[in-house]
């Protein structure tokens, strides 16, 4: 119906948050109930406990609401320690998130897995699995299986986190697959990894977003980076699954429908299936080769051709851009988009970071804005 959950977080440094503020609306956001806070930093043995709340996903087949978040214990509370310690957790609610039936870690089915060795090739203290940004929206297959796109740090010959690129971090992409059990929990398995080429992307493949195409195959679009190696061309990458998300094609450049690749910074993006039958993509496209994360403008919306899975060049429209007097360091990223159930408009929520050019590690002040886009 018209019930909504709103989540915003307070962050004081990159890649960790301090508190999540949650509120609910029964009338499509016209009015909101009282706010509750969920502390994202907690006491833990062996270091500092940290959570990063992604938000939630409504499984329309069962009307169950799934909350998802990263959680880990960071030995010295340094954000990069998450590369070895993040694990995914989830909760299930039958009243839109207001009350939860349980909270638990996502652990692969089978006796070989536990809270430490929780997925194939993933062990706490060695490497991690996590959600990166809000564009990683799950979807439910026609057979009821829930697919959740995530990223995971790879390991080297010694079994420890391995960064084969030259960038800040390095990850592969993969899929978590949830099947409902009779007790209301999900039984989890995982797909094979989608692996980047470290000679073409310095940070591997990051923050996958997924959608189903006309033939039932699944498109995955991924962030990459030319961080450090700024002479490399920076693009988005794609992979396809023909078996429901278990196996994936080799990652290649994501292009316009005429096969020409476009420049895109190392930033999140989101595939947006719409009730009008179209599939949209939102992200950043640059006129010239970006340098790592920048520039993260303009923010654009375009339509995806649903036979090929490629972006329709003529459909790409600028949603927001750097304005006169604004800093070159402006960031139009870390957004989330959804369809308004009453109007069909696409609503985009984002902070306009670093408008004045001050991007110090401890300076994340920004206004949160909503952009409303009418689509035909």
Protein backbone atom coordinates (compact mmCIF):
# COMPACT_ATOMS: atom_id res chain seq x y z
CA UNK A 1 0.00 0.00 0.00
CA UNK A 2 1.18 3.48 0.91
CA UNK A 3 3.25 2.52 3.94
CA UNK A 4 6.85 3.72 3.97
CA UNK A 5 9.98 3.32 6.06
CA UNK A 6 12.40 6.24 6.10
CA UNK A 7 16.01 5.75 7.16
CA UNK A 8 18.76 8.32 7.44
CA UNK A 9 22.14 7.90 9.06
CA UNK A 10 24.70 10.13 10.73
CA UNK A 11 28.23 9.63 9.39
CA UNK A 12 31.40 11.24 10.69
CA UNK A 13 33.92 9.59 8.38
CA UNK A 14 33.98 7.54 5.20
CA UNK A 15 32.50 4.01 5.23
CA UNK A 16 31.17 3.92 8.80
CA UNK A 17 28.06 5.42 10.41
CA UNK A 18 27.20 6.29 14.00
CA UNK A 19 23.42 5.99 14.22
CA UNK A 20 20.46 5.14 11.99
CA UNK A 21 17.22 7.08 12.47
CA UNK A 22 14.07 5.21 11.45
CA UNK A 23 10.48 6.44 11.08
CA UNK A 24 7.28 5.22 9.40
CA UNK A 25 4.45 6.68 7.36
CA UNK A 26 1.04 5.18 6.58
CA UNK A 27 0.09 7.80 3.96
CA UNK A 28 2.92 7.80 1.40
CA UNK A 29 5.05 10.24 3.35
CA UNK A 30 2.51 12.99 3.94
CA UNK A 31 2.90 12.48 7.68
CA UNK A 32 5.46 10.58 9.72
CA UNK A 33 5.47 8.86 13.08
CA UNK A 34 8.01 9.28 15.82
CA UNK A 35 11.67 8.67 15.10
CA UNK A 36 13.58 5.83 16.71
CA UNK A 37 17.36 5.50 16.73
CA UNK A 38 19.42 2.38 16.20
CA UNK A 39 23.03 2.80 17.30
CA UNK A 40 25.45 1.57 14.69
CA UNK A 41 28.48 1.48 17.03
CA UNK A 42 28.46 -1.02 19.89
CA UNK A 43 30.73 -2.62 22.45
CA UNK A 44 32.22 -5.94 21.37
CA UNK A 45 34.96 -8.33 22.36
CA UNK A 46 38.06 -7.95 20.20
CA UNK A 47 37.47 -4.38 19.06
CA UNK A 48 34.66 -1.98 18.19
CA UNK A 49 31.39 -3.34 16.90
CA UNK A 50 30.06 -1.56 13.82
CA UNK A 51 26.90 -1.85 11.76
CA UNK A 52 25.93 -0.19 8.49
CA UNK A 53 22.15 -0.34 7.91
CA UNK A 54 21.26 -0.68 4.23
CA UNK A 55 17.49 -0.40 4.68
CA UNK A 56 14.88 -2.90 3.61
CA UNK A 57 13.24 -4.86 0.81
CA UNK A 58 9.60 -5.88 0.50
CA UNK A 59 9.08 -9.39 -0.88
CA UNK A 60 5.71 -8.82 -2.56
CA UNK A 61 5.02 -12.55 -2.94
CA UNK A 62 4.90 -13.03 0.84
CA UNK A 63 4.37 -9.42 2.02
CA UNK A 64 7.39 -9.89 4.27
CA UNK A 65 9.82 -7.03 4.84
CA UNK A 66 13.54 -7.88 4.97
CA UNK A 67 15.99 -5.52 6.67
CA UNK A 68 19.66 -5.86 5.72
CA UNK A 69 22.91 -4.51 7.13
CA UNK A 70 26.67 -4.99 7.34
CA UNK A 71 28.04 -5.90 10.76
CA UNK A 72 31.54 -6.62 12.06
CA UNK A 73 34.02 -6.11 14.85
CA UNK A 74 36.88 -3.82 13.79
CA UNK A 75 40.02 -4.48 15.90
CA UNK A 76 41.21 -0.84 15.97
CA UNK A 77 38.02 0.74 14.59
CA UNK A 78 39.66 1.65 11.28
CA UNK A 79 37.11 1.62 8.41
CA UNK A 80 39.36 -0.44 6.12
CA UNK A 81 39.34 -3.28 8.67
CA UNK A 82 35.86 -3.96 7.37
CA UNK A 83 37.50 -5.51 4.31
CA UNK A 84 38.33 -8.47 6.56
CA UNK A 85 35.44 -8.39 9.03
CA UNK A 86 32.11 -7.33 7.47
CA UNK A 87 29.37 -9.94 7.31
CA UNK A 88 25.76 -9.57 6.19
CA UNK A 89 22.87 -9.71 8.67
CA UNK A 90 19.12 -9.63 8.10
CA UNK A 91 15.80 -9.44 9.92
CA UNK A 92 12.27 -10.31 8.84
CA UNK A 93 9.10 -8.40 9.65
CA UNK A 94 5.45 -9.00 8.78
CA UNK A 95 4.33 -5.44 9.58
CA UNK A 96 6.64 -3.39 7.38
CA UNK A 97 9.62 -3.34 9.73
CA UNK A 98 7.90 -2.04 12.84
CA UNK A 99 8.46 -5.27 14.72
CA UNK A 100 10.95 -7.99 13.80
CA UNK A 101 10.50 -11.71 14.14
CA UNK A 102 14.27 -12.18 14.56
CA UNK A 103 17.72 -10.84 13.62
CA UNK A 104 20.53 -13.11 12.48
CA UNK A 105 23.66 -13.37 10.38
CA UNK A 106 23.43 -14.60 6.81
CA UNK A 107 25.16 -18.01 6.80
CA UNK A 108 25.35 -20.34 3.81
CA UNK A 109 23.31 -23.52 4.21
CA UNK A 110 25.23 -26.67 5.11
CA UNK A 111 27.28 -28.04 8.01
CA UNK A 112 30.51 -26.57 6.62
CA UNK A 113 29.43 -23.01 7.45
CA UNK A 114 29.13 -21.04 10.67
CA UNK A 115 29.36 -17.44 11.92
CA UNK A 116 33.10 -17.33 11.11
CA UNK A 117 33.24 -19.27 7.83
CA UNK A 118 29.89 -17.91 6.72
CA UNK A 119 30.01 -18.19 2.91
CA UNK A 120 32.09 -20.13 0.36
CA UNK A 121 35.48 -18.43 0.24
CA UNK A 122 34.57 -15.93 2.99
CA UNK A 123 35.95 -16.12 6.54
CA UNK A 124 35.80 -13.42 9.21
CA UNK A 125 39.25 -12.01 9.89
CA UNK A 126 40.40 -12.93 6.38
CA UNK A 127 37.92 -11.29 4.00
CA UNK A 128 34.34 -10.08 3.92
CA UNK A 129 30.97 -9.84 2.21
CA UNK A 130 29.01 -6.60 2.33
CA UNK A 131 26.55 -4.26 0.69
CA UNK A 132 28.16 -1.09 -0.61
CA UNK A 133 25.39 1.36 -1.46
CA UNK A 134 21.63 1.80 -1.80
CA UNK A 135 21.51 0.87 -5.47
CA UNK A 136 22.05 -2.79 -4.58
CA UNK A 137 18.32 -3.53 -4.50
CA UNK A 138 17.21 -7.20 -4.31
CA UNK A 139 14.48 -8.70 -6.43
CA UNK A 140 12.31 -11.81 -6.20
CA UNK A 141 12.47 -14.34 -9.01
CA UNK A 142 9.25 -15.81 -10.42
CA UNK A 143 9.90 -18.98 -8.39
CA UNK A 144 10.11 -16.99 -5.13
CA UNK A 145 13.90 -17.03 -4.73
CA UNK A 146 15.22 -13.68 -3.51
CA UNK A 147 18.43 -12.40 -5.12
CA UNK A 148 20.52 -9.88 -3.22
CA UNK A 149 23.57 -8.41 -5.03
CA UNK A 150 26.62 -7.94 -2.79
CA UNK A 151 30.37 -7.48 -3.02
CA UNK A 152 33.14 -9.51 -1.43
CA UNK A 153 36.87 -9.05 -0.97
CA UNK A 154 38.97 -11.78 -2.63
CA UNK A 155 41.69 -13.81 -0.95
CA UNK A 156 45.20 -14.62 -2.13
CA UNK A 157 47.26 -17.81 -1.89
CA UNK A 158 47.67 -17.33 1.87
CA UNK A 159 43.88 -17.19 2.35
CA UNK A 160 43.97 -13.54 3.45
CA UNK A 161 42.41 -10.44 1.85
CA UNK A 162 44.20 -9.79 -1.42
CA UNK A 163 44.22 -6.55 -3.40
CA UNK A 164 45.60 -7.38 -6.87
CA UNK A 165 44.89 -3.85 -8.13
CA UNK A 166 46.50 -0.56 -7.28
CA UNK A 167 43.44 1.12 -5.74
CA UNK A 168 42.05 1.91 -2.30
CA UNK A 169 40.18 -1.40 -1.92
CA UNK A 170 39.41 -4.41 -4.11
CA UNK A 171 36.23 -6.48 -4.42
CA UNK A 172 34.42 -9.02 -6.57
CA UNK A 173 30.65 -9.12 -7.02
CA UNK A 174 28.31 -12.00 -6.24
CA UNK A 175 24.72 -12.90 -5.43
CA UNK A 176 23.16 -14.07 -2.18
CA UNK A 177 20.11 -16.25 -2.78
CA UNK A 178 17.40 -16.60 -0.14
CA UNK A 179 14.65 -19.25 -0.04
CA UNK A 180 11.85 -19.02 2.52
CA UNK A 181 11.67 -21.75 5.16
CA UNK A 182 8.56 -22.80 7.04
CA UNK A 183 9.73 -20.98 10.19
CA UNK A 184 9.81 -17.61 8.37
CA UNK A 185 13.58 -17.53 8.05
CA UNK A 186 15.56 -17.58 4.81
CA UNK A 187 17.89 -20.37 3.78
CA UNK A 188 20.89 -18.75 2.08
CA UNK A 189 23.27 -19.85 -0.67
CA UNK A 190 25.57 -17.81 -2.91
CA UNK A 191 26.47 -17.58 -6.57
CA UNK A 192 29.86 -17.72 -8.19
CA UNK A 193 31.92 -14.52 -8.13
CA UNK A 194 31.98 -11.97 -10.93
CA UNK A 195 35.67 -11.04 -11.16
CA UNK A 196 37.20 -7.89 -12.59
CA UNK A 197 40.43 -7.49 -14.51
CA UNK A 198 43.00 -5.71 -12.27
CA UNK A 199 44.79 -4.45 -15.38
CA UNK A 200 41.66 -2.49 -16.37
CA UNK A 201 40.03 -1.59 -13.04
CA UNK A 202 42.19 -0.83 -10.02
CA UNK A 203 39.47 -1.66 -7.45
CA UNK A 204 37.88 -4.66 -9.12
CA UNK A 205 34.08 -4.65 -9.42
CA UNK A 206 31.94 -2.87 -6.86
CA UNK A 207 28.31 -2.19 -5.86
CA UNK A 208 26.39 -4.41 -8.31
CA UNK A 209 22.84 -3.51 -9.32
CA UNK A 210 20.58 -6.09 -11.01
CA UNK A 211 17.41 -6.41 -13.08
CA UNK A 212 15.59 -9.07 -15.10
CA UNK A 213 15.47 -8.74 -18.91
CA UNK A 214 12.83 -9.81 -21.43
CA UNK A 215 14.27 -13.29 -21.91
CA UNK A 216 14.47 -13.95 -18.15
CA UNK A 217 18.22 -13.41 -17.96
CA UNK A 218 19.60 -11.14 -15.26
CA UNK A 219 21.70 -8.06 -16.00
CA UNK A 220 24.29 -6.93 -13.45
CA UNK A 221 25.83 -3.47 -13.80
CA UNK A 222 28.90 -2.74 -11.66
CA UNK A 223 31.05 0.16 -10.55
CA UNK A 224 34.78 0.03 -11.35
CA UNK A 225 37.68 2.48 -10.95
CA UNK A 226 40.80 3.97 -12.47
CA UNK A 227 41.93 5.19 -9.05
CA UNK A 228 45.73 5.77 -9.14
CA UNK A 229 45.86 4.77 -12.82
CA UNK A 230 43.93 7.77 -14.11
CA UNK A 231 45.21 7.25 -17.68
CA UNK A 232 43.00 4.14 -17.86
CA UNK A 233 39.50 4.72 -19.28
CA UNK A 234 36.82 4.57 -16.56
CA UNK A 235 33.54 2.83 -17.33
CA UNK A 236 30.72 0.78 -15.87
CA UNK A 237 30.91 -3.00 -16.35
CA UNK A 238 28.24 -5.64 -16.96
CA UNK A 239 27.65 -9.36 -16.61
CA UNK A 240 24.68 -11.62 -17.41
CA UNK A 241 23.24 -14.72 -15.78
CA UNK A 242 21.17 -17.16 -17.84
CA UNK A 243 20.43 -19.54 -14.95
CA UNK A 244 18.72 -17.34 -12.39
CA UNK A 245 21.84 -15.85 -10.82
CA UNK A 246 24.02 -18.91 -10.16
CA UNK A 247 26.62 -18.42 -12.89
CA UNK A 248 27.67 -15.25 -14.69
CA UNK A 249 29.29 -14.29 -17.95
CA UNK A 250 32.75 -12.75 -17.96
CA UNK A 251 32.52 -9.06 -17.03
CA UNK A 252 32.72 -6.68 -20.00
CA UNK A 253 32.20 -2.96 -20.51
CA UNK A 254 28.60 -1.76 -20.24
CA UNK A 255 27.78 0.33 -23.30
CA UNK A 256 25.14 2.25 -25.19
CA UNK A 257 22.98 0.12 -27.49
CA UNK A 258 25.28 1.07 -30.38
CA UNK A 259 28.16 -0.66 -28.49
CA UNK A 260 30.02 2.57 -27.60
CA UNK A 261 31.23 2.72 -24.01
CA UNK A 262 30.69 5.91 -22.00
CA UNK A 263 32.79 7.43 -19.24
CA UNK A 264 31.55 6.94 -15.70
CA UNK A 265 33.35 7.60 -12.40
CA UNK A 266 33.84 5.11 -9.59
CA UNK A 267 30.39 5.64 -8.09
CA UNK A 268 27.24 3.68 -7.36
CA UNK A 269 24.40 3.30 -9.86
CA UNK A 270 20.94 1.75 -9.80
CA UNK A 271 18.76 -0.22 -12.20
CA UNK A 272 15.10 0.77 -11.66
CA UNK A 273 12.32 -1.51 -12.99
CA UNK A 274 9.14 0.57 -13.42
CA UNK A 275 5.46 -0.34 -13.42
CA UNK A 276 5.18 1.12 -16.95
CA UNK A 277 7.18 -1.88 -18.16
CA UNK A 278 10.37 0.06 -18.78
CA UNK A 279 13.74 -0.45 -17.13
CA UNK A 280 15.71 2.64 -16.16
CA UNK A 281 19.28 3.23 -15.00
CA UNK A 282 20.50 6.07 -12.82
CA UNK A 283 24.15 7.00 -12.36
CA UNK A 284 26.88 9.44 -13.33
CA UNK A 285 28.09 9.87 -16.92
CA UNK A 286 31.05 12.15 -17.67
CA UNK A 287 31.95 13.98 -20.86
CA UNK A 288 35.61 13.07 -20.43
CA UNK A 289 37.61 10.42 -18.60
CA UNK A 290 37.12 10.79 -14.82
CA UNK A 291 39.82 10.40 -12.17
CA UNK A 292 38.80 7.69 -9.72
CA UNK A 293 35.68 8.85 -7.88
CA UNK A 294 35.45 12.24 -9.57
CA UNK A 295 33.63 14.01 -11.03
CA UNK A 296 30.44 12.51 -9.65
CA UNK A 297 28.23 14.71 -11.80
CA UNK A 298 26.05 15.05 -13.72
CA UNK A 299 23.48 12.60 -12.33
CA UNK A 300 21.53 11.08 -15.22
CA UNK A 301 18.54 8.83 -15.88
CA UNK A 302 18.31 6.64 -18.97
CA UNK A 303 16.29 3.70 -20.31
CA UNK A 304 17.79 0.23 -20.68
CA UNK A 305 16.95 -1.77 -23.80
CA UNK A 306 15.45 -4.95 -22.34
CA UNK A 307 16.50 -7.38 -25.04
CA UNK A 308 20.20 -6.47 -25.06
CA UNK A 309 20.50 -4.98 -21.56
CA UNK A 310 22.32 -1.94 -22.97
CA UNK A 311 21.69 1.74 -22.30
CA UNK A 312 19.65 3.68 -24.89
CA UNK A 313 21.81 6.70 -25.71
CA UNK A 314 18.98 9.05 -26.78
CA UNK A 315 17.05 8.39 -23.57
CA UNK A 316 19.78 9.69 -21.23
CA UNK A 317 18.59 12.82 -19.40
CA UNK A 318 20.44 14.97 -16.87
CA UNK A 319 18.66 14.96 -13.51
CA UNK A 320 21.08 17.16 -11.54
CA UNK A 321 24.40 18.79 -12.32
CA UNK A 322 27.00 21.15 -10.94
CA UNK A 323 25.57 24.66 -10.83
CA UNK A 324 27.39 28.01 -11.33
CA UNK A 325 29.48 28.78 -8.27
CA UNK A 326 29.50 25.20 -6.99
CA UNK A 327 32.76 23.36 -6.39
CA UNK A 328 34.31 20.96 -8.87
CA UNK A 329 34.34 18.50 -5.95
CA UNK A 330 30.53 18.36 -5.87
CA UNK A 331 29.31 14.78 -5.35
CA UNK A 332 25.93 13.66 -6.73
CA UNK A 333 26.16 10.05 -5.63
CA UNK A 334 25.24 7.71 -2.75
CA UNK A 335 21.62 8.06 -3.83
CA UNK A 336 18.59 5.81 -3.71
CA UNK A 337 15.71 5.82 -6.20
CA UNK A 338 12.24 4.31 -5.97
CA UNK A 339 8.89 4.54 -7.74
CA UNK A 340 6.12 6.52 -6.06
CA UNK A 341 3.21 4.06 -5.77
CA UNK A 342 0.58 6.79 -6.20
CA UNK A 343 1.99 8.78 -9.12
CA UNK A 344 4.52 6.50 -10.82
CA UNK A 345 7.13 9.26 -10.51
CA UNK A 346 10.70 8.21 -9.78
CA UNK A 347 11.86 9.69 -6.48
CA UNK A 348 15.58 10.17 -5.92
CA UNK A 349 17.06 10.80 -2.48
CA UNK A 350 20.63 11.99 -2.07
CA UNK A 351 22.99 14.29 -0.17
CA UNK A 352 24.70 16.98 -2.30
CA UNK A 353 28.12 16.47 -0.73
CA UNK A 354 31.02 18.96 -0.92
CA UNK A 355 29.05 21.76 -2.59
CA UNK A 356 31.54 24.29 -1.21
CA UNK A 357 34.61 22.21 -2.01
CA UNK A 358 35.46 21.24 1.57
CA UNK A 359 35.93 17.45 1.39
CA UNK A 360 38.02 16.85 4.48
CA UNK A 361 37.63 13.41 6.06
CA UNK A 362 35.73 14.93 9.00
CA UNK A 363 33.52 17.25 6.91
CA UNK A 364 30.45 15.46 5.60
CA UNK A 365 27.85 18.18 6.15
CA UNK A 366 25.21 18.13 3.40
CA UNK A 367 21.54 18.75 2.80
CA UNK A 368 19.41 15.71 2.01
CA UNK A 369 17.21 16.36 -0.99
CA UNK A 370 14.42 14.62 -2.90
CA UNK A 371 14.17 14.89 -6.68
CA UNK A 372 10.86 13.95 -8.34
CA UNK A 373 11.01 12.74 -11.95
CA UNK A 374 7.87 12.27 -14.05
CA UNK A 375 8.26 9.43 -16.57
CA UNK A 376 6.03 8.52 -19.51
